[in-house]
Amino acid sequence: MCSIFGRVQRALGLAAVGTLLAACGDSGLSGEYIGRQGSWVDKLVFGPGNEVRAVDGRDEAAGVFRIEGKQVILTIGTDQSALTIADSGCLDGGRQAGVYCKR
């Protein structure tokens, strides 16, 4: 599991933080968001209870997410990354994480 988690962490370009954060209530995000060419993981899968899975080939890491304004904050383990919700509905993680659009 460590190598899987490490690979997804590096791929997302996550910065270390101290605690796992979880939000309650309806998030407004659900389902699969597929990475466009150049994205570091294949897809992000948003589920119930603000759960998220980052999938890269056969590797997978689970975490949580919360929405703050136009930002989606992903927390996987003790690492965190922010993606911007674009007007198109896609999630933009910049050059390090890439762009993910709903399937």
N, C-alpha and C. Protein backbone atom coordinates (compact mmCIF):
# COMPACT_ATOMS: atom_id res chain seq x y z
N MET A 1 0.82 -1.19 0.00
CA MET A 1 0.00 0.00 0.00
C MET A 1 0.86 1.26 0.00
N CYS A 2 2.02 1.22 0.67
CA CYS A 2 2.87 2.41 0.73
C CYS A 2 3.32 2.84 -0.66
N SER A 3 3.71 1.89 -1.51
CA SER A 3 4.17 2.27 -2.84
C SER A 3 3.03 2.82 -3.69
N ILE A 4 1.85 2.26 -3.54
CA ILE A 4 0.68 2.77 -4.26
C ILE A 4 0.39 4.18 -3.81
N PHE A 5 0.31 4.37 -2.50
CA PHE A 5 -0.01 5.69 -1.97
C PHE A 5 1.06 6.69 -2.34
N GLY A 6 2.33 6.30 -2.25
CA GLY A 6 3.42 7.19 -2.59
C GLY A 6 3.37 7.64 -4.04
N ARG A 7 3.04 6.72 -4.93
CA ARG A 7 2.98 7.05 -6.36
C ARG A 7 1.88 8.07 -6.63
N VAL A 8 0.71 7.86 -6.03
CA VAL A 8 -0.39 8.79 -6.24
C VAL A 8 -0.08 10.13 -5.60
N GLN A 9 0.55 10.11 -4.42
CA GLN A 9 0.94 11.38 -3.78
C GLN A 9 1.84 12.19 -4.70
N ARG A 10 2.88 11.54 -5.22
CA ARG A 10 3.81 12.25 -6.10
C ARG A 10 3.08 12.75 -7.34
N ALA A 11 2.21 11.92 -7.86
CA ALA A 11 1.50 12.28 -9.09
C ALA A 11 0.64 13.50 -8.89
N LEU A 12 0.03 13.62 -7.77
CA LEU A 12 -0.83 14.77 -7.51
C LEU A 12 -0.03 16.00 -7.07
N GLY A 13 1.25 15.80 -6.77
CA GLY A 13 2.06 16.93 -6.32
C GLY A 13 1.55 17.51 -5.01
N LEU A 14 1.14 16.63 -4.09
CA LEU A 14 0.54 17.08 -2.84
C LEU A 14 1.59 17.61 -1.86
N ALA A 15 1.25 18.60 -1.11
CA ALA A 15 2.12 19.14 -0.07
C ALA A 15 1.71 18.56 1.27
N ALA A 16 2.66 18.28 2.13
CA ALA A 16 2.36 17.66 3.43
C ALA A 16 1.62 18.63 4.33
N VAL A 17 0.63 18.12 5.06
CA VAL A 17 -0.10 18.85 6.11
C VAL A 17 -0.27 17.93 7.30
N GLY A 18 -0.71 18.47 8.40
CA GLY A 18 -0.72 17.70 9.63
C GLY A 18 -1.88 16.77 9.87
N THR A 19 -3.09 17.08 9.40
CA THR A 19 -4.23 16.27 9.82
C THR A 19 -5.12 15.92 8.65
N LEU A 20 -5.88 14.86 8.84
CA LEU A 20 -6.87 14.45 7.85
C LEU A 20 -8.14 15.26 8.09
N LEU A 21 -8.63 15.92 7.05
CA LEU A 21 -9.81 16.77 7.19
C LEU A 21 -10.97 16.15 6.45
N ALA A 22 -12.14 16.21 7.07
CA ALA A 22 -13.34 15.68 6.44
C ALA A 22 -14.46 16.70 6.59
N ALA A 23 -15.29 16.82 5.57
CA ALA A 23 -16.43 17.71 5.62
C ALA A 23 -17.71 16.89 5.65
N CYS A 24 -18.78 17.49 6.13
CA CYS A 24 -20.07 16.80 6.20
C CYS A 24 -21.03 17.43 5.22
N GLY A 25 -22.08 16.69 4.87
CA GLY A 25 -23.12 17.24 4.04
C GLY A 25 -22.91 16.96 2.57
N ASP A 26 -23.82 17.48 1.75
CA ASP A 26 -23.79 17.26 0.30
C ASP A 26 -22.70 18.11 -0.31
N SER A 27 -21.81 17.49 -1.04
CA SER A 27 -20.64 18.18 -1.57
C SER A 27 -20.89 18.82 -2.93
N GLY A 28 -21.81 18.28 -3.71
CA GLY A 28 -22.02 18.79 -5.05
C GLY A 28 -21.13 18.12 -6.08
N LEU A 29 -20.18 17.29 -5.67
CA LEU A 29 -19.32 16.54 -6.58
C LEU A 29 -19.62 15.06 -6.40
N SER A 30 -19.72 14.36 -7.54
CA SER A 30 -19.88 12.91 -7.47
C SER A 30 -19.47 12.31 -8.80
N GLY A 31 -19.07 11.06 -8.75
CA GLY A 31 -18.73 10.34 -9.97
C GLY A 31 -17.28 10.51 -10.36
N GLU A 32 -16.99 10.10 -11.61
CA GLU A 32 -15.63 10.07 -12.12
C GLU A 32 -15.27 11.35 -12.86
N TYR A 33 -14.10 11.85 -12.56
CA TYR A 33 -13.51 12.97 -13.28
C TYR A 33 -12.23 12.43 -13.93
N ILE A 34 -12.22 12.40 -15.24
CA ILE A 34 -11.14 11.79 -16.01
C ILE A 34 -10.06 12.83 -16.30
N GLY A 35 -8.80 12.43 -16.09
CA GLY A 35 -7.68 13.32 -16.35
C GLY A 35 -7.48 13.52 -17.85
N ARG A 36 -7.29 14.75 -18.23
CA ARG A 36 -6.94 15.05 -19.62
C ARG A 36 -5.48 14.73 -19.86
N GLN A 37 -5.08 14.75 -21.12
CA GLN A 37 -3.68 14.46 -21.46
C GLN A 37 -2.76 15.34 -20.61
N GLY A 38 -1.77 14.71 -20.02
CA GLY A 38 -0.83 15.43 -19.17
C GLY A 38 -1.19 15.43 -17.69
N SER A 39 -2.37 14.92 -17.33
CA SER A 39 -2.74 14.82 -15.92
C SER A 39 -1.91 13.72 -15.27
N TRP A 40 -1.65 13.87 -13.99
CA TRP A 40 -0.73 12.96 -13.31
C TRP A 40 -1.39 11.67 -12.85
N VAL A 41 -2.70 11.64 -12.67
CA VAL A 41 -3.40 10.38 -12.39
C VAL A 41 -4.50 10.24 -13.43
N ASP A 42 -4.96 9.00 -13.62
CA ASP A 42 -5.97 8.74 -14.65
C ASP A 42 -7.32 9.36 -14.33
N LYS A 43 -7.72 9.25 -13.05
CA LYS A 43 -9.03 9.79 -12.70
C LYS A 43 -9.15 10.02 -11.21
N LEU A 44 -10.10 10.88 -10.87
CA LEU A 44 -10.51 11.12 -9.49
C LEU A 44 -11.96 10.66 -9.40
N VAL A 45 -12.27 9.86 -8.40
CA VAL A 45 -13.63 9.34 -8.23
C VAL A 45 -14.18 9.89 -6.92
N PHE A 46 -15.24 10.71 -7.04
CA PHE A 46 -15.87 11.33 -5.88
C PHE A 46 -17.09 10.51 -5.48
N GLY A 47 -17.15 10.13 -4.20
CA GLY A 47 -18.24 9.29 -3.71
C GLY A 47 -18.99 9.95 -2.59
N PRO A 48 -19.84 9.17 -1.93
CA PRO A 48 -20.65 9.70 -0.83
C PRO A 48 -19.77 10.02 0.38
N GLY A 49 -20.29 10.88 1.25
CA GLY A 49 -19.57 11.20 2.47
C GLY A 49 -18.28 11.96 2.23
N ASN A 50 -18.19 12.65 1.13
CA ASN A 50 -17.00 13.43 0.76
C ASN A 50 -15.76 12.57 0.61
N GLU A 51 -15.95 11.34 0.16
CA GLU A 51 -14.83 10.44 -0.11
C GLU A 51 -14.32 10.67 -1.53
N VAL A 52 -13.00 10.50 -1.72
CA VAL A 52 -12.40 10.60 -3.04
C VAL A 52 -11.36 9.51 -3.19
N ARG A 53 -11.24 8.99 -4.40
CA ARG A 53 -10.20 8.02 -4.73
C ARG A 53 -9.42 8.59 -5.92
N ALA A 54 -8.10 8.57 -5.80
CA ALA A 54 -7.22 8.95 -6.90
C ALA A 54 -6.73 7.66 -7.53
N VAL A 55 -6.99 7.48 -8.83
CA VAL A 55 -6.68 6.23 -9.52
C VAL A 55 -5.66 6.50 -10.60
N ASP A 56 -4.56 5.74 -10.56
CA ASP A 56 -3.51 5.86 -11.56
C ASP A 56 -3.16 4.44 -12.01
N GLY A 57 -3.70 4.03 -13.15
CA GLY A 57 -3.53 2.65 -13.60
C GLY A 57 -4.19 1.72 -12.61
N ARG A 58 -3.40 0.81 -12.07
CA ARG A 58 -3.93 -0.12 -11.06
C ARG A 58 -3.72 0.39 -9.64
N ASP A 59 -3.03 1.51 -9.49
CA ASP A 59 -2.77 2.09 -8.18
C ASP A 59 -3.93 2.98 -7.77
N GLU A 60 -4.22 2.98 -6.47
CA GLU A 60 -5.35 3.75 -5.98
C GLU A 60 -5.06 4.22 -4.56
N ALA A 61 -5.47 5.43 -4.23
CA ALA A 61 -5.35 5.96 -2.88
C ALA A 61 -6.66 6.64 -2.51
N ALA A 62 -7.13 6.38 -1.30
CA ALA A 62 -8.40 6.94 -0.83
C ALA A 62 -8.15 8.14 0.07
N GLY A 63 -9.09 9.05 0.06
CA GLY A 63 -9.02 10.22 0.92
C GLY A 63 -10.38 10.88 1.02
N VAL A 64 -10.36 12.13 1.40
CA VAL A 64 -11.59 12.92 1.52
C VAL A 64 -11.39 14.24 0.78
N PHE A 65 -12.50 14.95 0.58
CA PHE A 65 -12.41 16.26 -0.05
C PHE A 65 -13.44 17.19 0.58
N ARG A 66 -13.19 18.46 0.40
CA ARG A 66 -14.16 19.48 0.81
C ARG A 66 -14.14 20.58 -0.23
N ILE A 67 -15.20 21.34 -0.29
CA ILE A 67 -15.29 22.45 -1.24
C ILE A 67 -15.26 23.76 -0.45
N GLU A 68 -14.38 24.65 -0.87
CA GLU A 68 -14.28 25.99 -0.30
C GLU A 68 -14.37 26.98 -1.45
N GLY A 69 -15.54 27.54 -1.63
CA GLY A 69 -15.75 28.46 -2.74
C GLY A 69 -15.58 27.74 -4.06
N LYS A 70 -14.60 28.16 -4.87
CA LYS A 70 -14.35 27.53 -6.17
C LYS A 70 -13.17 26.56 -6.11
N GLN A 71 -12.80 26.15 -4.90
CA GLN A 71 -11.69 25.22 -4.71
C GLN A 71 -12.19 23.89 -4.17
N VAL A 72 -11.64 22.80 -4.69
CA VAL A 72 -11.85 21.48 -4.14
C VAL A 72 -10.55 21.11 -3.45
N ILE A 73 -10.61 20.88 -2.15
CA ILE A 73 -9.43 20.54 -1.38
C ILE A 73 -9.43 19.02 -1.17
N LEU A 74 -8.43 18.35 -1.76
CA LEU A 74 -8.28 16.90 -1.62
C LEU A 74 -7.32 16.63 -0.47
N THR A 75 -7.69 15.71 0.41
CA THR A 75 -6.81 15.29 1.49
C THR A 75 -6.68 13.78 1.40
N ILE A 76 -5.45 13.33 1.15
CA ILE A 76 -5.16 11.91 1.06
C ILE A 76 -4.06 11.63 2.07
N GLY A 77 -4.38 10.85 3.09
CA GLY A 77 -3.44 10.65 4.19
C GLY A 77 -3.24 11.97 4.91
N THR A 78 -2.00 12.42 5.00
CA THR A 78 -1.72 13.71 5.63
C THR A 78 -1.34 14.76 4.60
N ASP A 79 -1.60 14.48 3.33
CA ASP A 79 -1.24 15.40 2.25
C ASP A 79 -2.48 16.04 1.66
N GLN A 80 -2.32 17.25 1.18
CA GLN A 80 -3.45 18.03 0.69
C GLN A 80 -3.11 18.72 -0.63
N SER A 81 -4.12 18.85 -1.50
CA SER A 81 -3.95 19.55 -2.77
C SER A 81 -5.25 20.27 -3.10
N ALA A 82 -5.14 21.41 -3.77
CA ALA A 82 -6.31 22.20 -4.16
C ALA A 82 -6.47 22.19 -5.67
N LEU A 83 -7.71 21.99 -6.12
CA LEU A 83 -8.06 22.08 -7.54
C LEU A 83 -9.13 23.14 -7.68
N THR A 84 -9.05 23.93 -8.72
CA THR A 84 -10.03 24.99 -8.97
C THR A 84 -11.17 24.45 -9.81
N ILE A 85 -12.40 24.78 -9.42
CA ILE A 85 -13.57 24.40 -10.21
C ILE A 85 -13.72 25.44 -11.32
N ALA A 86 -13.48 25.01 -12.56
CA ALA A 86 -13.55 25.91 -13.71
C ALA A 86 -15.01 26.16 -14.09
N ASP A 87 -15.26 27.20 -14.87
CA ASP A 87 -16.61 27.50 -15.34
C ASP A 87 -17.21 26.33 -16.11
N SER A 88 -16.37 25.53 -16.75
CA SER A 88 -16.81 24.37 -17.52
C SER A 88 -17.26 23.21 -16.62
N GLY A 89 -16.92 23.30 -15.32
CA GLY A 89 -17.21 22.21 -14.39
C GLY A 89 -16.03 21.27 -14.20
N CYS A 90 -14.98 21.45 -15.02
CA CYS A 90 -13.77 20.63 -14.86
C CYS A 90 -13.01 21.11 -13.62
N LEU A 91 -12.12 20.26 -13.13
CA LEU A 91 -11.28 20.57 -11.97
C LEU A 91 -9.86 20.79 -12.46
N ASP A 92 -9.30 21.96 -12.16
CA ASP A 92 -7.99 22.33 -12.66
C ASP A 92 -6.98 22.35 -11.52
N GLY A 93 -6.02 21.43 -11.58
CA GLY A 93 -4.97 21.34 -10.57
C GLY A 93 -3.68 21.98 -11.00
N GLY A 94 -3.71 22.76 -12.05
CA GLY A 94 -2.50 23.43 -12.52
C GLY A 94 -1.56 22.47 -13.22
N ARG A 95 -0.33 22.92 -13.42
CA ARG A 95 0.65 22.11 -14.16
C ARG A 95 1.02 20.81 -13.45
N GLN A 96 1.02 20.81 -12.12
CA GLN A 96 1.42 19.61 -11.41
C GLN A 96 0.37 18.50 -11.44
N ALA A 97 -0.89 18.83 -11.22
CA ALA A 97 -1.94 17.81 -11.13
C ALA A 97 -2.71 17.64 -12.42
N GLY A 98 -2.85 18.69 -13.21
CA GLY A 98 -3.58 18.59 -14.46
C GLY A 98 -5.05 18.94 -14.33
N VAL A 99 -5.80 18.64 -15.38
CA VAL A 99 -7.23 18.97 -15.47
C VAL A 99 -8.04 17.68 -15.52
N TYR A 100 -9.15 17.66 -14.79
CA TYR A 100 -10.04 16.50 -14.72
C TYR A 100 -11.45 16.94 -15.03
N CYS A 101 -12.10 16.24 -15.98
CA CYS A 101 -13.46 16.59 -16.37
C CYS A 101 -14.39 15.41 -16.12
N LYS A 102 -15.62 15.74 -15.73
CA LYS A 102 -16.60 14.71 -15.40
C LYS A 102 -16.88 13.83 -16.61
N ARG A 103 -16.91 12.52 -16.35
CA ARG A 103 -17.21 11.55 -17.40
C ARG A 103 -18.68 11.64 -17.73
